Amino acid sequence: MKTFNWQALPSSMIQEADSMWAHLSSGDESVDPNYFSTEQQFCLSRVKTNMMETAPAVKQPKKVTFLDFKKSLSLNIFLKQLKCSNEEIVDMILKGDVSKFDTEILKQLLKILPEKHEIENLKSYQAEKDKLANIDQFCLLLLEIPGLQLRTECMLLCEEVPVILEMLRPQSQLILAACESLLASRRLPVFCRMILKLGNFLNYGKDKGNASGFKINSLLKLADVKGNQPCVTLLHHILEGLEEKHSDLLRLPDDLESSSRAAGISIGNLHSEISINLLKLREAMQKMSSRNDDIKEQFAEVIQDRIHACEEMDRELQAIEKKRKRLVEYFSEDPQTFSLQNLFTTMKSFRELFIKAHKENREKKERAVRSGKRKRHEETSAKRRKGEAGKISELDWIQLYVIDGKRVGKLEGGGVAEAALLDVWEGHLLQNAAEVPCELGKSLTSTETPKSSAMLAATVRL
């Protein structure tokens, strides 16, 4: 027959309580099901086998269990994870030994501890314990541990709280550093003052009036000013001005780095985690204070250390709240609606817009420089090809000055050959001329450009 998985109530619970089941057992009216049709409907199908090919299966004695299928599965998984005998696991719990227990295993143990009806069924079992399933035998051993629930809770708190604090403390310190960096920044108020002046200039004569300040989230609107061309924004305009003066303000993103990194942290989650764990620790300490067994000796000192660590973290959160109130005053915001998380998100978005606009301005300037160089190069090349009125002056391709026996000059025009010839005759000029006038002779036509060393020497001697 197919089995029906339910949680059977112990008979002692039914008899003691004024329950529905007690009334049903004593009542005269009963409804009998059709057992014959039930057997036909839910009987297991028989598999025909060849008796000559398969040996008869050895029937194993059926183990007794008082646990439902889901609980049995969870207990089996738990026992296989530890790879220890039932007695070893119970001994570790008694000693508070967590060498083989991490936080997840301890959480799992709390979930699979026997419930009230399971405890009643296990305690009422009078037959041989060997006939019980392994997981039921394990549960019976657990029931022999005094203060099992409290022991397990204390073991979990001792292991879990340091992990939680290790995760939360860097977040709270980052939030505190972000608040302090905004209050300490000297670039941010200067930049905001510049925006205020430009905003009043743009709004002059309009119904918006002459503002004396603006909400800090207005920083995000700098890249979306109506009436401008798609790629021209107020932020680009401001940063173009900073390239020429007040260049130190271009380092404003450095002041907003901590705020950007703190933007993804939930401050409410920090408060919630610390409050919940402090409550659990204090409740565990209170439960231990009323006991006379070894639980207090094992866990009281460690639990107290965890309480002190959480209280220290709570003081950091109180310091953050003070900084929040100071920022409310600093930015003239509404204390009821002002949120540090929203502030950090605004600063993160503004910082990204600032960096992007600065990069685009720099690239635009570099393109303009490259374009100017290319234009001058094209003009110079065109002039060389055309010359002046079809002539090439001697000074257009060579300017040579010899002063006190030293050459000071540059080559303008001409090519590699002319440069080489100039080096050859430099020695001759320095030996035979104490001083050569700045303007050398008369102009030569393009057809008279020196082509040999003799012609060049004659030209230079003019």
Protein backbone atom coordinates (compact mmCIF):
# COMPACT_ATOMS: atom_id res chain seq x y z
CA MET A 1 0.00 0.00 0.00
CA LYS A 2 1.11 3.57 -0.62
CA THR A 3 1.85 5.48 2.57
CA PHE A 4 0.27 8.72 3.76
CA ASN A 5 2.80 11.13 5.28
CA TRP A 6 1.34 12.90 8.31
CA GLN A 7 2.40 14.00 11.76
CA ALA A 8 0.74 11.69 14.25
CA LEU A 9 -0.17 13.20 17.62
CA PRO A 10 0.78 11.28 20.76
CA SER A 11 -2.16 9.75 22.60
CA SER A 12 -1.25 11.59 25.82
CA MET A 13 -1.80 14.96 24.13
CA ILE A 14 -5.18 13.88 22.79
CA GLN A 15 -6.43 12.57 26.13
CA GLU A 16 -5.28 15.55 28.21
CA ALA A 17 -6.64 18.28 25.94
CA ASP A 18 -10.21 19.17 25.16
CA SER A 19 -9.55 18.41 21.52
CA MET A 20 -11.56 17.43 18.51
CA TRP A 21 -9.86 14.05 18.54
CA ALA A 22 -10.96 13.31 22.09
CA HIS A 23 -14.57 14.05 21.19
CA LEU A 24 -14.36 11.86 18.11
CA SER A 25 -13.01 8.87 20.04
CA SER A 26 -15.84 9.07 22.56
CA GLY A 27 -18.65 9.81 20.12
CA ASP A 28 -21.15 7.28 18.84
CA GLU A 29 -21.40 8.62 15.32
CA SER A 30 -18.72 7.31 13.01
CA VAL A 31 -18.17 7.11 9.30
CA ASP A 32 -16.38 4.05 8.02
CA PRO A 33 -14.48 4.40 4.75
CA ASN A 34 -14.63 1.83 1.98
CA TYR A 35 -11.41 -0.03 2.74
CA PHE A 36 -11.80 -2.40 -0.21
CA SER A 37 -11.91 0.35 -2.84
CA THR A 38 -9.11 2.20 -1.03
CA GLU A 39 -6.92 -0.88 -1.21
CA GLN A 40 -7.59 -1.24 -4.92
CA GLN A 41 -6.93 2.46 -5.56
CA PHE A 42 -3.71 2.84 -3.56
CA CYS A 43 -2.08 -0.55 -3.63
CA LEU A 44 1.40 -0.67 -5.14
CA SER A 45 1.71 -2.37 -8.52
CA ARG A 46 3.54 -5.68 -8.53
CA VAL A 47 6.45 -6.09 -10.89
CA LYS A 48 6.60 -9.49 -12.56
CA THR A 49 10.08 -10.96 -12.42
CA ASN A 50 11.64 -14.07 -13.77
CA MET A 51 12.23 -16.23 -10.73
CA MET A 52 14.97 -18.11 -12.55
CA GLU A 53 16.97 -14.94 -13.31
CA THR A 54 16.67 -12.97 -10.06
CA ALA A 55 17.33 -14.12 -6.54
CA PRO A 56 14.70 -13.42 -3.91
CA ALA A 57 15.33 -10.14 -2.07
CA VAL A 58 16.23 -10.46 1.59
CA LYS A 59 13.66 -8.60 3.61
CA GLN A 60 15.17 -6.13 6.03
CA PRO A 61 13.37 -5.50 9.29
CA LYS A 62 11.40 -2.29 9.05
CA LYS A 63 12.70 0.54 11.25
CA VAL A 64 10.31 2.53 13.38
CA THR A 65 10.26 6.31 12.94
CA PHE A 66 8.14 9.06 14.43
CA LEU A 67 9.37 11.77 12.06
CA ASP A 68 7.72 12.87 8.86
CA PHE A 69 9.44 12.59 5.48
CA LYS A 70 10.65 16.23 5.34
CA LYS A 71 12.12 16.14 8.84
CA SER A 72 13.78 12.79 8.17
CA LEU A 73 15.39 14.12 4.99
CA SER A 74 16.73 17.24 6.76
CA LEU A 75 18.18 15.17 9.61
CA ASN A 76 19.89 12.76 7.25
CA ILE A 77 21.48 15.66 5.34
CA PHE A 78 22.65 17.22 8.62
CA LEU A 79 24.28 13.99 9.85
CA LYS A 80 26.03 13.35 6.52
CA GLN A 81 27.53 16.87 6.55
CA LEU A 82 29.28 16.34 9.88
CA LYS A 83 30.51 12.81 9.12
CA CYS A 84 30.51 11.92 12.79
CA SER A 85 28.69 9.39 14.90
CA ASN A 86 25.55 10.43 16.77
CA GLU A 87 27.41 10.21 20.08
CA GLU A 88 30.26 12.45 18.87
CA ILE A 89 27.83 15.15 17.70
CA VAL A 90 25.98 15.09 21.02
CA ASP A 91 29.28 15.31 22.91
CA MET A 92 30.35 18.40 20.89
CA ILE A 93 27.05 20.12 21.66
CA LEU A 94 27.45 19.34 25.37
CA LYS A 95 30.96 20.84 25.39
CA GLY A 96 30.02 23.83 23.21
CA ASP A 97 32.62 22.70 20.69
CA VAL A 98 32.03 24.50 17.36
CA SER A 99 35.12 23.18 15.57
CA LYS A 100 32.91 21.27 13.12
CA PHE A 101 29.92 23.62 13.25
CA ASP A 102 29.69 26.73 11.10
CA THR A 103 26.83 29.22 11.24
CA GLU A 104 24.83 27.48 8.50
CA ILE A 105 25.06 24.07 10.15
CA LEU A 106 24.02 25.56 13.49
CA LYS A 107 21.04 27.25 11.86
CA GLN A 108 20.13 23.96 10.29
CA LEU A 109 20.39 22.21 13.68
CA LEU A 110 17.99 24.71 15.24
CA LYS A 111 15.45 23.98 12.52
CA ILE A 112 15.58 20.20 12.91
CA LEU A 113 15.42 19.98 16.70
CA PRO A 114 12.52 17.69 17.73
CA GLU A 115 9.20 19.45 18.13
CA LYS A 116 6.80 18.93 20.99
CA HIS A 117 4.70 16.18 19.42
CA GLU A 118 7.83 14.38 18.20
CA ILE A 119 9.31 14.52 21.68
CA GLU A 120 6.16 13.01 23.15
CA ASN A 121 6.17 10.16 20.63
CA LEU A 122 9.86 9.41 21.14
CA LYS A 123 9.57 9.40 24.94
CA SER A 124 6.53 7.14 24.83
CA TYR A 125 8.37 4.52 22.79
CA GLN A 126 9.01 1.51 25.06
CA ALA A 127 10.36 -1.09 22.64
CA GLU A 128 14.00 -1.79 21.88
CA LYS A 129 15.83 1.31 20.62
CA ASP A 130 17.64 -0.72 17.98
CA LYS A 131 14.36 -0.98 16.14
CA LEU A 132 14.23 2.82 15.80
CA ALA A 133 15.56 4.51 12.67
CA ASN A 134 18.98 6.16 13.00
CA ILE A 135 17.54 9.68 12.91
CA ASP A 136 15.10 8.79 15.69
CA GLN A 137 17.95 7.41 17.78
CA PHE A 138 19.84 10.67 17.20
CA CYS A 139 16.82 12.67 18.35
CA LEU A 140 16.60 10.58 21.52
CA LEU A 141 20.25 11.39 22.28
CA LEU A 142 19.58 15.09 21.70
CA LEU A 143 16.71 15.00 24.19
CA GLU A 144 19.16 13.92 26.90
CA ILE A 145 21.10 17.20 26.57
CA PRO A 146 19.99 19.71 29.25
CA GLY A 147 19.01 23.10 27.80
CA LEU A 148 19.37 21.87 24.23
CA GLN A 149 17.59 24.84 22.62
CA LEU A 150 19.51 27.45 24.62
CA ARG A 151 22.85 25.73 24.06
CA THR A 152 22.30 25.67 20.33
CA GLU A 153 21.21 29.33 20.28
CA CYS A 154 24.30 30.38 22.25
CA MET A 155 26.61 28.43 19.94
CA LEU A 156 25.03 30.14 16.95
CA LEU A 157 25.25 33.63 18.47
CA CYS A 158 28.90 33.15 19.41
CA GLU A 159 29.74 32.18 15.84
CA GLU A 160 27.35 34.38 13.86
CA VAL A 161 27.70 37.80 15.54
CA PRO A 162 31.44 38.27 14.73
CA VAL A 163 30.73 37.42 11.09
CA ILE A 164 27.91 39.97 10.96
CA LEU A 165 30.04 42.67 12.61
CA GLU A 166 32.93 41.98 10.26
CA MET A 167 30.57 42.63 7.35
CA LEU A 168 28.80 45.68 8.82
CA ARG A 169 31.67 47.58 10.44
CA PRO A 170 33.45 48.56 7.17
CA GLN A 171 30.10 49.79 5.85
CA SER A 172 29.43 52.01 8.86
CA GLN A 173 32.99 53.37 8.75
CA LEU A 174 32.62 54.18 5.06
CA ILE A 175 29.35 56.03 5.69
CA LEU A 176 30.95 58.03 8.50
CA ALA A 177 33.95 58.87 6.28
CA ALA A 178 31.60 59.93 3.46
CA CYS A 179 29.74 62.31 5.77
CA GLU A 180 32.98 63.81 7.05
CA SER A 181 34.42 64.22 3.53
CA LEU A 182 31.35 66.19 2.39
CA LEU A 183 31.52 68.48 5.43
CA ALA A 184 35.29 68.96 5.05
CA SER A 185 35.32 69.60 1.29
CA ARG A 186 36.30 73.16 0.31
CA ARG A 187 35.76 72.59 -3.40
CA LEU A 188 32.09 71.60 -3.14
CA PRO A 189 30.81 74.92 -1.67
CA VAL A 190 32.93 76.93 -4.14
CA PHE A 191 31.52 74.95 -7.04
CA CYS A 192 27.97 75.32 -5.70
CA ARG A 193 28.48 79.07 -5.36
CA MET A 194 29.53 79.24 -9.01
CA ILE A 195 26.42 77.26 -10.01
CA LEU A 196 24.25 79.58 -7.93
CA LYS A 197 25.61 82.66 -9.70
CA LEU A 198 25.17 81.14 -13.15
CA GLY A 199 21.68 79.93 -12.26
CA ASN A 200 20.63 83.38 -11.11
CA PHE A 201 22.12 84.83 -14.31
CA LEU A 202 20.16 82.38 -16.48
CA ASN A 203 16.95 82.97 -14.51
CA TYR A 204 17.28 86.77 -14.45
CA GLY A 205 13.95 88.44 -15.01
CA LYS A 206 12.03 85.18 -14.69
CA ASP A 207 9.54 84.15 -12.04
CA LYS A 208 12.15 81.99 -10.30
CA GLY A 209 13.67 85.12 -8.83
CA ASN A 210 17.13 85.61 -7.39
CA ALA A 211 17.79 82.41 -5.41
CA SER A 212 20.12 82.38 -2.41
CA GLY A 213 20.58 78.58 -2.49
CA PHE A 214 19.34 75.38 -4.11
CA LYS A 215 18.56 71.80 -3.10
CA ILE A 216 21.59 69.60 -3.41
CA ASN A 217 19.89 67.17 -5.80
CA SER A 218 19.74 70.06 -8.32
CA LEU A 219 23.35 69.17 -9.16
CA LEU A 220 21.97 66.42 -11.37
CA LYS A 221 20.07 68.97 -13.49
CA LEU A 222 23.26 70.66 -14.69
CA ALA A 223 23.47 68.21 -17.58
CA ASP A 224 19.87 68.79 -18.64
CA VAL A 225 19.45 72.54 -19.16
CA LYS A 226 16.55 73.34 -21.48
CA GLY A 227 17.18 75.43 -24.59
CA ASN A 228 20.75 74.24 -25.19
CA GLN A 229 22.03 72.14 -28.01
CA PRO A 230 22.07 68.39 -27.32
CA CYS A 231 25.79 68.21 -26.56
CA VAL A 232 26.13 71.60 -24.81
CA THR A 233 25.17 71.60 -21.13
CA LEU A 234 25.71 73.95 -18.22
CA LEU A 235 28.12 71.48 -16.66
CA HIS A 236 30.27 71.41 -19.81
CA HIS A 237 30.22 75.21 -19.86
CA ILE A 238 31.31 75.46 -16.23
CA LEU A 239 34.13 72.97 -16.67
CA GLU A 240 35.40 74.78 -19.79
CA GLY A 241 35.80 77.85 -17.60
CA LEU A 242 37.66 75.84 -14.96
CA GLU A 243 40.23 74.77 -17.60
CA GLU A 244 41.36 78.37 -17.79
CA LYS A 245 41.14 79.29 -14.08
CA HIS A 246 40.17 77.65 -10.79
CA SER A 247 41.67 74.42 -12.12
CA ASP A 248 41.77 73.04 -8.57
CA LEU A 249 37.98 72.63 -8.75
CA LEU A 250 38.54 69.97 -11.39
CA ARG A 251 39.59 67.74 -8.50
CA LEU A 252 36.14 67.92 -6.95
CA PRO A 253 35.44 64.24 -7.83
CA ASP A 254 38.20 63.30 -5.37
CA ASP A 255 36.13 64.82 -2.55
CA LEU A 256 33.08 62.82 -3.63
CA GLU A 257 34.75 59.41 -3.93
CA SER A 258 33.73 58.20 -0.44
CA SER A 259 30.15 59.32 -1.04
CA SER A 260 30.06 57.39 -4.31
CA ARG A 261 31.27 54.19 -2.67
CA ALA A 262 28.74 54.59 0.17
CA ALA A 263 25.80 55.02 -2.22
CA GLY A 264 24.92 51.33 -2.30
CA ILE A 265 24.85 50.79 1.47
CA SER A 266 21.50 50.48 3.25
CA ILE A 267 21.77 52.41 6.51
CA GLY A 268 18.43 51.02 7.65
CA ASN A 269 19.80 47.50 7.27
CA LEU A 270 22.74 48.37 9.56
CA HIS A 271 20.39 49.58 12.30
CA SER A 272 18.15 46.54 11.89
CA GLU A 273 20.96 43.97 12.06
CA ILE A 274 22.54 45.49 15.16
CA SER A 275 19.20 45.87 16.96
CA ILE A 276 18.12 42.29 16.24
CA ASN A 277 21.41 40.75 17.35
CA LEU A 278 21.62 42.87 20.49
CA LEU A 279 18.12 41.68 21.40
CA LYS A 280 19.04 38.03 20.84
CA LEU A 281 22.25 38.32 22.88
CA ARG A 282 20.53 40.01 25.82
CA GLU A 283 17.72 37.46 25.81
CA ALA A 284 20.26 34.62 25.84
CA MET A 285 22.10 36.24 28.74
CA GLN A 286 18.87 36.59 30.67
CA LYS A 287 17.97 32.93 30.10
CA MET A 288 21.41 31.81 31.27
CA SER A 289 21.18 33.86 34.47
CA SER A 290 18.31 31.69 35.75
CA ARG A 291 20.03 28.33 35.10
CA ASN A 292 22.24 26.25 37.40
CA ASP A 293 23.86 24.00 34.80
CA ASP A 294 27.10 24.45 32.85
CA ILE A 295 25.57 26.64 30.11
CA LYS A 296 26.31 29.86 31.96
CA GLU A 297 29.89 28.79 32.58
CA GLN A 298 30.42 27.92 28.93
CA PHE A 299 28.81 30.89 27.21
CA ALA A 300 28.24 33.83 29.58
CA GLU A 301 31.62 35.49 29.06
CA VAL A 302 31.61 35.03 25.29
CA ILE A 303 28.03 36.31 24.97
CA GLN A 304 28.94 39.37 27.04
CA ASP A 305 31.87 40.11 24.71
CA ARG A 306 29.50 39.92 21.75
CA ILE A 307 27.14 42.35 23.48
CA HIS A 308 29.98 44.86 23.99
CA ALA A 309 31.00 44.57 20.31
CA CYS A 310 27.41 45.21 19.16
CA GLU A 311 27.07 48.16 21.54
CA GLU A 312 30.26 49.67 20.11
CA MET A 313 28.82 49.27 16.64
CA ASP A 314 25.61 50.89 17.84
CA ARG A 315 27.62 53.91 19.03
CA GLU A 316 29.08 54.23 15.52
CA LEU A 317 25.55 54.30 14.12
CA GLN A 318 24.64 57.03 16.61
CA ALA A 319 27.65 59.04 15.40
CA ILE A 320 26.38 58.61 11.83
CA GLU A 321 22.98 59.96 12.90
CA LYS A 322 24.68 63.05 14.35
CA LYS A 323 26.49 63.57 11.05
CA ARG A 324 23.19 63.20 9.22
CA LYS A 325 21.67 65.98 11.32
CA ARG A 326 24.73 68.15 10.68
CA LEU A 327 24.39 67.57 6.91
CA VAL A 328 20.71 68.53 7.13
CA GLU A 329 21.80 71.92 8.47
CA TYR A 330 24.76 72.19 6.10
CA PHE A 331 22.68 71.69 2.96
CA SER A 332 19.56 73.40 4.40
CA GLU A 333 17.44 70.29 3.80
CA ASP A 334 14.21 69.06 5.40
CA PRO A 335 15.14 66.86 8.41
CA GLN A 336 12.00 64.77 7.96
CA THR A 337 12.72 63.74 4.38
CA PHE A 338 16.52 64.02 4.21
CA SER A 339 18.20 60.65 3.63
CA LEU A 340 21.91 59.92 3.67
CA GLN A 341 21.41 57.15 1.15
CA ASN A 342 19.69 59.56 -1.28
CA LEU A 343 22.45 62.12 -0.69
CA PHE A 344 25.18 59.60 -1.50
CA THR A 345 23.30 58.45 -4.60
CA THR A 346 23.04 62.07 -5.78
CA MET A 347 26.76 62.65 -5.22
CA LYS A 348 27.64 59.44 -7.04
CA SER A 349 25.57 60.40 -10.10
CA PHE A 350 26.90 63.97 -10.09
CA ARG A 351 30.48 62.73 -9.81
CA GLU A 352 29.99 60.48 -12.83
CA LEU A 353 28.50 63.37 -14.84
CA PHE A 354 31.38 65.64 -13.78
CA ILE A 355 34.04 63.12 -14.85
CA LYS A 356 32.26 62.42 -18.14
CA ALA A 357 31.87 66.13 -18.99
CA HIS A 358 35.50 66.86 -18.11
CA LYS A 359 36.66 64.00 -20.33
CA GLU A 360 34.50 65.19 -23.24
CA ASN A 361 35.82 68.75 -22.88
CA ARG A 362 39.41 67.53 -22.83
CA GLU A 363 38.86 65.39 -25.92
CA LYS A 364 37.18 68.31 -27.67
CA LYS A 365 40.15 70.55 -26.91
CA GLU A 366 42.62 67.93 -28.13
CA ARG A 367 40.67 67.57 -31.38
CA ALA A 368 40.77 71.34 -31.85
CA VAL A 369 44.55 71.39 -31.32
CA ARG A 370 45.05 68.57 -33.81
CA SER A 371 42.77 70.32 -36.30
CA GLY A 372 44.75 73.58 -35.98
CA LYS A 373 48.06 71.83 -36.50
CA ARG A 374 46.73 70.05 -39.54
CA LYS A 375 45.43 73.32 -40.99
CA ARG A 376 48.76 75.12 -40.47
CA HIS A 377 50.61 72.22 -42.01
CA GLU A 378 48.38 72.30 -45.07
CA GLU A 379 48.87 76.08 -45.43
CA THR A 380 52.65 75.74 -45.12
CA SER A 381 52.73 72.94 -47.69
CA ALA A 382 50.62 74.96 -50.10
CA LYS A 383 52.93 77.98 -49.71
CA ARG A 384 56.00 75.90 -50.40
CA ARG A 385 54.48 74.45 -53.52
CA LYS A 386 53.32 77.78 -54.87
CA GLY A 387 56.05 80.11 -53.64
CA GLU A 388 55.66 83.86 -53.64
CA ALA A 389 54.70 85.11 -57.14
CA GLY A 390 56.42 82.11 -58.69
CA LYS A 391 59.77 82.85 -57.03
CA ILE A 392 61.61 81.28 -54.17
CA SER A 393 63.69 83.74 -52.23
CA GLU A 394 67.04 82.65 -50.99
CA LEU A 395 65.88 83.41 -47.44
CA ASP A 396 62.73 81.27 -47.97
CA TRP A 397 64.79 78.13 -47.95
CA ILE A 398 67.91 79.08 -46.03
CA GLN A 399 68.59 81.60 -43.31
CA LEU A 400 72.15 81.56 -42.08
CA TYR A 401 73.80 83.76 -39.51
CA VAL A 402 77.47 83.58 -38.62
CA ILE A 403 78.30 85.67 -35.59
CA ASP A 404 81.70 85.62 -33.94
CA GLY A 405 82.63 82.52 -35.83
CA LYS A 406 79.52 80.58 -34.73
CA ARG A 407 76.59 79.59 -36.87
CA VAL A 408 73.10 80.41 -35.66
CA GLY A 409 70.42 79.56 -38.19
CA LYS A 410 67.52 77.38 -39.26
CA LEU A 411 66.43 75.68 -42.43
CA GLU A 412 63.07 76.81 -43.76
CA GLY A 413 62.13 75.07 -46.97
CA GLY A 414 64.31 72.85 -49.03
CA GLY A 415 64.73 69.18 -48.43
CA VAL A 416 67.17 66.66 -47.10
CA ALA A 417 69.74 67.46 -49.78
CA GLU A 418 69.81 71.16 -48.94
CA ALA A 419 70.20 70.35 -45.23
CA ALA A 420 73.17 68.12 -46.00
CA LEU A 421 74.80 70.76 -48.19
CA LEU A 422 74.36 73.35 -45.47
CA ASP A 423 76.32 71.16 -43.05
CA VAL A 424 79.10 70.71 -45.64
CA TRP A 425 79.62 74.41 -46.25
CA GLU A 426 79.21 75.48 -42.68
CA GLY A 427 82.87 74.90 -41.99
CA HIS A 428 83.91 76.94 -45.05
CA LEU A 429 81.78 79.91 -43.97
CA LEU A 430 83.02 79.87 -40.41
CA GLN A 431 86.63 79.94 -41.64
CA ASN A 432 86.27 82.70 -44.29
CA ALA A 433 83.64 85.03 -42.82
CA ALA A 434 83.86 86.76 -39.47
CA GLU A 435 80.34 88.02 -39.93
CA VAL A 436 77.70 87.48 -42.59
CA PRO A 437 74.83 89.93 -42.93
CA CYS A 438 71.36 88.72 -41.97
CA GLU A 439 69.94 89.17 -45.48
CA LEU A 440 71.94 87.25 -48.02
CA GLY A 441 71.98 88.83 -51.44
CA LYS A 442 69.22 89.07 -53.86
CA SER A 443 66.39 86.68 -54.61
CA LEU A 444 66.74 83.78 -56.92
CA THR A 445 64.00 82.52 -59.17
CA SER A 446 62.72 79.01 -58.71
CA THR A 447 64.73 77.94 -61.73
CA GLU A 448 67.92 79.35 -60.15
CA THR A 449 67.79 77.26 -56.97
CA PRO A 450 71.30 75.86 -56.32
CA LYS A 451 71.66 72.28 -57.47
CA SER A 452 75.34 71.71 -56.73
CA SER A 453 77.87 72.50 -54.05
CA ALA A 454 79.56 75.10 -56.26
CA MET A 455 76.29 76.96 -56.96
CA LEU A 456 75.35 76.86 -53.25
CA ALA A 457 78.78 78.13 -52.22
CA ALA A 458 78.50 80.97 -54.73
CA THR A 459 75.01 81.79 -53.43
CA VAL A 460 76.16 81.87 -49.83
CA ARG A 461 79.13 84.11 -50.72
CA LEU A 462 76.81 86.76 -52.18
